[in-house]
Protein backbone atom coordinates (compact mmCIF):
# COMPACT_ATOMS: atom_id res chain seq x y z
CA UNK A 1 44.94 -54.96 -24.38
CA UNK A 2 44.58 -54.50 -28.14
CA UNK A 3 41.92 -56.30 -30.17
CA UNK A 4 44.56 -58.10 -32.25
CA UNK A 5 46.27 -59.41 -29.11
CA UNK A 6 42.98 -60.65 -27.64
CA UNK A 7 42.12 -62.48 -30.86
CA UNK A 8 45.63 -63.93 -30.97
CA UNK A 9 45.36 -65.20 -27.40
CA UNK A 10 41.98 -66.76 -28.17
CA UNK A 11 43.37 -68.44 -31.30
CA UNK A 12 46.32 -69.75 -29.26
CA UNK A 13 43.93 -71.23 -26.69
CA UNK A 14 41.95 -72.96 -29.46
CA UNK A 15 45.18 -74.38 -30.90
CA UNK A 16 46.23 -75.64 -27.47
CA UNK A 17 42.92 -77.45 -26.95
CA UNK A 18 43.17 -78.91 -30.47
CA UNK A 19 46.63 -80.32 -29.68
CA UNK A 20 45.36 -81.71 -26.36
CA UNK A 21 42.48 -83.38 -28.20
CA UNK A 22 44.99 -85.03 -30.55
CA UNK A 23 47.36 -86.21 -27.82
CA UNK A 24 45.11 -87.31 -24.96
CA UNK A 25 44.01 -90.91 -25.11
CA UNK A 26 44.81 -94.39 -23.86
CA UNK A 27 47.87 -94.87 -26.09
CA UNK A 28 51.10 -93.91 -24.30
CA UNK A 29 53.14 -93.73 -27.55
CA UNK A 30 51.25 -90.63 -28.72
CA UNK A 31 52.09 -87.32 -27.04
CA UNK A 32 53.16 -83.71 -27.53
CA UNK A 33 56.70 -84.78 -28.37
CA UNK A 34 55.83 -86.80 -31.46
CA UNK A 35 52.41 -85.54 -32.57
CA UNK A 36 53.77 -83.51 -35.52
CA UNK A 37 56.02 -86.39 -36.58
CA UNK A 38 53.09 -88.80 -36.55
CA UNK A 39 50.94 -86.41 -38.59
CA UNK A 40 53.63 -86.00 -41.25
CA UNK A 41 54.88 -89.60 -41.30
CA UNK A 42 53.60 -92.24 -43.68
CA UNK A 43 54.90 -95.37 -41.98
CA UNK A 44 51.58 -97.17 -41.49
CA UNK A 45 52.20 -97.53 -37.75
CA UNK A 46 49.35 -98.07 -35.30
CA UNK A 47 50.30 -94.86 -33.48
CA UNK A 48 49.97 -92.80 -36.66
CA UNK A 49 46.69 -94.48 -37.54
CA UNK A 50 45.37 -93.60 -34.08
CA UNK A 51 46.18 -89.93 -34.60
CA UNK A 52 45.27 -89.52 -38.28
CA UNK A 53 42.30 -91.86 -38.63
CA UNK A 54 40.70 -91.56 -35.18
CA UNK A 55 41.73 -88.44 -33.27
CA UNK A 56 42.19 -85.96 -36.13
CA UNK A 57 38.64 -86.26 -37.58
CA UNK A 58 37.26 -86.19 -34.04
CA UNK A 59 39.18 -82.99 -33.29
CA UNK A 60 38.01 -81.40 -36.55
CA UNK A 61 34.37 -82.31 -35.91
CA UNK A 62 34.47 -80.96 -32.35
CA UNK A 63 35.98 -77.66 -33.51
CA UNK A 64 33.58 -77.24 -36.45
CA UNK A 65 30.57 -78.01 -34.26
CA UNK A 66 31.74 -75.27 -31.92
CA UNK A 67 32.04 -72.80 -34.80
CA UNK A 68 28.57 -73.60 -36.15
CA UNK A 69 26.76 -73.57 -32.80
CA UNK A 70 28.56 -70.45 -31.60
CA UNK A 71 27.55 -68.54 -34.75
CA UNK A 72 24.00 -69.92 -34.50
CA UNK A 73 23.66 -68.66 -30.93
CA UNK A 74 25.11 -65.27 -31.85
CA UNK A 75 22.61 -64.91 -34.71
CA UNK A 76 19.66 -65.81 -32.48
CA UNK A 77 20.67 -63.43 -29.72
CA UNK A 78 21.21 -60.65 -32.27
CA UNK A 79 17.90 -60.97 -34.11
CA UNK A 80 15.84 -61.45 -30.94
CA UNK A 81 17.77 -58.94 -28.79
CA UNK A 82 17.49 -61.57 -26.06
CA UNK A 83 20.63 -62.71 -24.25
CA UNK A 84 18.98 -66.01 -23.27
CA UNK A 85 18.23 -67.02 -26.86
CA UNK A 86 20.18 -69.97 -28.23
CA UNK A 87 19.58 -72.96 -30.45
CA UNK A 88 19.05 -75.13 -27.35
CA UNK A 89 16.66 -72.81 -25.50
CA UNK A 90 14.52 -72.04 -28.58
CA UNK A 91 14.02 -75.72 -29.47
CA UNK A 92 16.01 -75.58 -32.74
CA UNK A 93 18.58 -78.11 -31.54
CA UNK A 94 15.85 -80.50 -30.47
CA UNK A 95 13.96 -79.95 -33.74
CA UNK A 96 17.05 -81.00 -35.67
CA UNK A 97 17.27 -84.12 -33.52
CA UNK A 98 13.61 -84.84 -34.28
CA UNK A 99 14.34 -84.61 -38.01
CA UNK A 100 17.12 -87.19 -37.71
CA UNK A 101 14.96 -89.45 -35.53
CA UNK A 102 12.14 -89.39 -38.09
CA UNK A 103 14.64 -90.28 -40.81
CA UNK A 104 15.97 -93.25 -38.84
CA UNK A 105 12.56 -94.57 -37.77
CA UNK A 106 10.86 -94.05 -41.14
CA UNK A 107 13.53 -94.19 -43.90
CA UNK A 108 10.84 -93.75 -46.55
CA UNK A 109 10.31 -90.17 -45.36
CA UNK A 110 13.96 -89.17 -45.75
CA UNK A 111 14.50 -86.17 -48.02
CA UNK A 112 17.89 -86.71 -49.75
CA UNK A 113 19.79 -87.73 -46.57
CA UNK A 114 19.87 -87.33 -42.77
CA UNK A 115 21.78 -84.04 -43.01
CA UNK A 116 18.86 -82.51 -44.90
CA UNK A 117 16.38 -84.06 -42.44
CA UNK A 118 18.21 -82.46 -39.53
CA UNK A 119 18.24 -79.06 -41.24
CA UNK A 120 14.55 -79.34 -42.12
CA UNK A 121 13.72 -80.29 -38.53
CA UNK A 122 15.70 -77.32 -37.22
CA UNK A 123 14.06 -74.89 -39.67
CA UNK A 124 10.53 -76.10 -38.87
CA UNK A 125 11.19 -75.92 -35.12
CA UNK A 126 12.61 -72.41 -35.47
CA UNK A 127 9.68 -71.21 -37.58
CA UNK A 128 7.17 -72.62 -35.08
CA UNK A 129 8.97 -71.01 -32.14
CA UNK A 130 9.26 -67.62 -33.84
CA UNK A 131 5.70 -67.86 -35.15
CA UNK A 132 4.27 -68.45 -31.68
CA UNK A 133 6.32 -65.55 -30.29
CA UNK A 134 5.16 -63.16 -33.05
CA UNK A 135 8.57 -62.81 -34.65
CA UNK A 136 7.40 -63.62 -38.18
CA UNK A 137 4.36 -61.38 -38.39
CA UNK A 138 4.57 -58.65 -35.82
CA UNK A 139 6.46 -57.61 -32.74
CA UNK A 140 8.57 -60.31 -31.11
CA UNK A 141 7.66 -61.04 -27.49
CA UNK A 142 10.75 -62.15 -25.53
CA UNK A 143 8.87 -64.07 -22.84
CA UNK A 144 6.70 -65.91 -25.35
CA UNK A 145 9.83 -66.66 -27.38
CA UNK A 146 11.49 -68.52 -24.49
CA UNK A 147 8.27 -70.32 -23.50
CA UNK A 148 7.61 -71.33 -27.11
CA UNK A 149 11.18 -72.60 -27.45
CA UNK A 150 10.90 -74.70 -24.31
CA UNK A 151 7.59 -76.16 -25.51
CA UNK A 152 8.85 -76.95 -29.02
CA UNK A 153 12.05 -78.43 -27.59
CA UNK A 154 10.18 -80.61 -25.09
CA UNK A 155 7.81 -81.94 -27.74
CA UNK A 156 10.63 -82.66 -30.19
CA UNK A 157 12.81 -84.47 -27.69
CA UNK A 158 9.86 -86.47 -26.37
CA UNK A 159 9.58 -88.09 -29.79
CA UNK A 160 13.34 -88.63 -29.91
CA UNK A 161 13.17 -90.43 -26.56
CA UNK A 162 10.32 -92.56 -27.90
CA UNK A 163 12.83 -94.16 -30.27
CA UNK A 164 14.60 -95.59 -27.19
CA UNK A 165 11.67 -98.00 -26.80
CA UNK A 166 11.94 -99.39 -30.35
CA UNK A 167 14.14 -102.13 -31.81
CA UNK A 168 17.29 -102.70 -29.71
CA UNK A 169 19.92 -101.78 -32.30
CA UNK A 170 18.07 -98.59 -33.25
CA UNK A 171 17.55 -97.69 -29.60
CA UNK A 172 21.25 -98.14 -28.81
CA UNK A 173 22.28 -96.08 -31.84
CA UNK A 174 19.87 -93.28 -30.91
CA UNK A 175 20.96 -93.31 -27.27
CA UNK A 176 24.61 -92.93 -28.27
CA UNK A 177 23.77 -90.25 -30.82
CA UNK A 178 21.63 -88.14 -28.47
CA UNK A 179 24.54 -88.10 -26.00
CA UNK A 180 26.71 -86.63 -28.81
CA UNK A 181 29.31 -89.38 -28.63
CA UNK A 182 31.90 -88.49 -31.31
CA UNK A 183 34.43 -91.18 -30.42
CA UNK A 184 33.78 -92.93 -33.75
CA UNK A 185 33.97 -89.75 -35.87
CA UNK A 186 35.33 -90.05 -39.41
CA UNK A 187 36.55 -87.63 -42.07
CA UNK A 188 33.44 -88.06 -44.22
CA UNK A 189 31.48 -86.43 -41.38
CA UNK A 190 33.92 -83.53 -41.11
CA UNK A 191 33.87 -82.46 -44.77
CA UNK A 192 30.22 -81.26 -44.94
CA UNK A 193 30.64 -79.60 -41.55
CA UNK A 194 33.60 -77.63 -42.91
CA UNK A 195 31.51 -76.43 -45.85
CA UNK A 196 28.70 -75.32 -43.54
CA UNK A 197 31.12 -73.64 -41.15
CA UNK A 198 32.81 -71.64 -43.92
CA UNK A 199 29.46 -70.66 -45.43
CA UNK A 200 28.03 -69.81 -42.01
CA UNK A 201 31.02 -67.64 -41.16
CA UNK A 202 30.77 -65.77 -44.47
CA UNK A 203 27.02 -65.25 -44.02
CA UNK A 204 27.51 -64.09 -40.43
CA UNK A 205 30.15 -61.56 -41.46
CA UNK A 206 27.81 -60.29 -44.19
CA UNK A 207 25.04 -59.83 -41.61
CA UNK A 208 27.23 -58.39 -38.84
CA UNK A 209 26.34 -54.77 -39.66
CA UNK A 210 22.63 -55.67 -39.68
CA UNK A 211 23.04 -57.29 -36.27
CA UNK A 212 24.47 -54.02 -34.95
CA UNK A 213 21.52 -52.06 -36.36
CA UNK A 214 18.94 -54.52 -34.97
CA UNK A 215 20.36 -53.91 -31.50
CA UNK A 216 19.01 -50.33 -31.75
CA UNK A 217 15.41 -51.55 -31.96
CA UNK A 218 12.84 -52.06 -34.73
CA UNK A 219 12.05 -48.35 -35.10
CA UNK A 220 15.69 -47.34 -35.53
CA UNK A 221 16.26 -50.28 -37.88
CA UNK A 222 13.45 -49.11 -40.17
CA UNK A 223 14.87 -45.60 -40.08
CA UNK A 224 18.30 -46.87 -41.14
CA UNK A 225 16.90 -48.90 -44.03
CA UNK A 226 16.96 -52.36 -42.42
CA UNK A 227 13.76 -54.44 -42.39
CA UNK A 228 13.87 -56.09 -38.93
CA UNK A 229 11.35 -58.80 -39.82
CA UNK A 230 13.35 -59.85 -42.89
CA UNK A 231 16.66 -59.79 -41.00
CA UNK A 232 15.09 -61.71 -38.15
CA UNK A 233 13.95 -64.42 -40.55
CA UNK A 234 17.36 -64.60 -42.26
CA UNK A 235 19.19 -64.82 -38.91
CA UNK A 236 16.85 -67.54 -37.64
CA UNK A 237 17.26 -69.54 -40.87
CA UNK A 238 21.06 -69.22 -40.67
CA UNK A 239 20.99 -70.45 -37.08
CA UNK A 240 18.70 -73.36 -38.00
CA UNK A 241 20.88 -74.50 -40.91
CA UNK A 242 24.11 -74.36 -38.87
CA UNK A 243 22.45 -76.18 -35.97
CA UNK A 244 20.94 -78.85 -38.21
CA UNK A 245 24.28 -79.56 -39.87
CA UNK A 246 25.96 -79.94 -36.49
CA UNK A 247 23.25 -82.15 -35.01
CA UNK A 248 23.34 -84.44 -38.05
CA UNK A 249 27.09 -84.92 -37.65
CA UNK A 250 27.35 -85.45 -33.91
CA UNK A 251 24.00 -85.29 -32.15
CA UNK A 252 22.45 -82.49 -30.10
CA UNK A 253 25.22 -80.56 -28.31
CA UNK A 254 23.59 -78.12 -25.90
CA UNK A 255 24.34 -74.58 -24.67
CA UNK A 256 27.39 -73.74 -26.82
CA UNK A 257 25.41 -71.03 -28.60
CA UNK A 258 24.31 -69.57 -25.27
CA UNK A 259 27.63 -69.51 -23.44
CA UNK A 260 30.11 -68.34 -26.06
CA UNK A 261 28.40 -65.13 -27.30
CA UNK A 262 28.04 -64.03 -23.66
CA UNK A 263 31.71 -64.63 -22.88
CA UNK A 264 32.91 -62.97 -26.07
CA UNK A 265 30.83 -59.84 -25.42
CA UNK A 266 32.56 -59.46 -22.08
CA UNK A 267 36.00 -59.58 -23.70
CA UNK A 268 35.41 -58.11 -27.17
CA UNK A 269 32.47 -55.73 -26.76
CA UNK A 270 29.21 -55.58 -28.69
CA UNK A 271 30.34 -54.87 -32.27
CA UNK A 272 29.26 -57.93 -34.25
CA UNK A 273 31.94 -57.31 -36.87
CA UNK A 274 34.39 -58.34 -34.14
CA UNK A 275 32.08 -60.76 -32.35
CA UNK A 276 31.58 -63.03 -35.38
CA UNK A 277 35.24 -64.15 -35.66
CA UNK A 278 35.62 -64.13 -31.87
CA UNK A 279 32.56 -66.35 -31.32
CA UNK A 280 33.64 -68.70 -34.13
CA UNK A 281 37.04 -69.15 -32.47
CA UNK A 282 35.59 -69.30 -28.97
CA UNK A 283 32.93 -71.84 -29.93
CA UNK A 284 35.59 -74.10 -31.43
CA UNK A 285 37.70 -73.73 -28.30
CA UNK A 286 34.80 -74.48 -25.95
CA UNK A 287 33.79 -77.71 -27.69
CA UNK A 288 37.43 -78.80 -28.05
CA UNK A 289 37.90 -78.17 -24.31
CA UNK A 290 34.77 -80.24 -23.63
CA UNK A 291 36.20 -83.01 -25.84
CA UNK A 292 39.42 -83.00 -23.80
CA UNK A 293 37.44 -83.13 -20.55
CA UNK A 294 35.31 -85.99 -21.91
CA UNK A 295 38.48 -88.06 -22.25
CA UNK A 296 39.73 -87.28 -18.74
CA UNK A 297 36.61 -87.58 -16.56
CA UNK A 298 36.95 -91.35 -16.20
CA UNK A 299 40.17 -92.09 -18.09
CA UNK A 300 40.87 -94.42 -19.92
CA UNK A 301 37.14 -94.56 -20.70
CA UNK A 302 35.27 -91.64 -22.23
CA UNK A 303 32.23 -89.55 -21.34
CA UNK A 304 30.06 -88.47 -24.32
CA UNK A 305 30.71 -84.92 -25.49
CA UNK A 306 27.08 -83.84 -25.14
CA UNK A 307 27.04 -84.67 -21.43
CA UNK A 308 30.13 -82.56 -20.76
CA UNK A 309 28.76 -79.60 -22.74
CA UNK A 310 25.46 -79.81 -20.84
CA UNK A 311 27.29 -79.88 -17.49
CA UNK A 312 29.21 -76.76 -18.55
CA UNK A 313 26.28 -74.91 -20.11
CA UNK A 314 23.38 -75.62 -17.76
CA UNK A 315 24.91 -73.79 -14.74
CA UNK A 316 25.81 -70.88 -17.01
CA UNK A 317 22.22 -70.75 -18.30
CA UNK A 318 21.01 -70.53 -14.69
CA UNK A 319 23.54 -67.75 -14.01
CA UNK A 320 22.50 -65.83 -17.13
CA UNK A 321 18.82 -66.19 -16.23
CA UNK A 322 19.32 -64.87 -12.67
CA UNK A 323 21.52 -62.03 -13.94
CA UNK A 324 18.94 -61.04 -16.57
CA UNK A 325 16.21 -61.00 -13.91
CA UNK A 326 18.31 -58.84 -11.55
CA UNK A 327 19.01 -56.35 -14.36
CA UNK A 328 15.36 -56.13 -15.38
């Protein structure tokens, strides 16, 4: 099967999940047969408002989160040469959540807005994790990287959970946010995510060749004119920024950055110049599929998106861990 056909099939799957996300819901007057008509109409009907004002921004946010987290996971796995690396495993996701939690609990400490707080939290968590593992100063130790990520993630999320014990309204808001409930998503949340997704995709494409060289090892990278420490830092910062932007918009969505790069390597190979667009599409499709499932698990009620993604990703993380051990 040609590369173009595989990418086309993947894009078609993403489009199908996007349409399902727009059509599935408790209203029976919205379906495949009239979805395009409702999007184009300007009649002020309740059905059109449901699609345009509620489901469309939700669909966009789910897809853009998938793009950002997929590219973040690909960057981390490339710069660490560790197939188990992801924004969730290395504590970056949880660090972003900690940044938002600090901003909500202590508004006086907010730098510009909560989006910036989430990005700062993700960057600090990533720097701590990489620093403990030796990735910023010397040779990166894969085992220490995973252990440092688990430690940083546990500490960060412990503080986030502490907010559940505070004032009732804040605790309820934090509980809903940490479950990544996007049922109340709005367009003003989607616009910054789109900017970050486009910038992240462009940056990832620019670094794709470096990712390929880093896969050869630090010695070969130096020989080919690529500074592995500098590229490692740039890749980690890119992953932290994309993760922080996504967490600020929807809450901590786990394991997308772990699962999708693995699946895309199996279908598209190891050339990052192909993997970057494939992972961006696949990440969008995975989160959109999780959004569809979240609406169907206990229809007509909804299950938060983060719970569905965790139920999909956690078993795959176990599988990847066992497979990596058997191949060692």
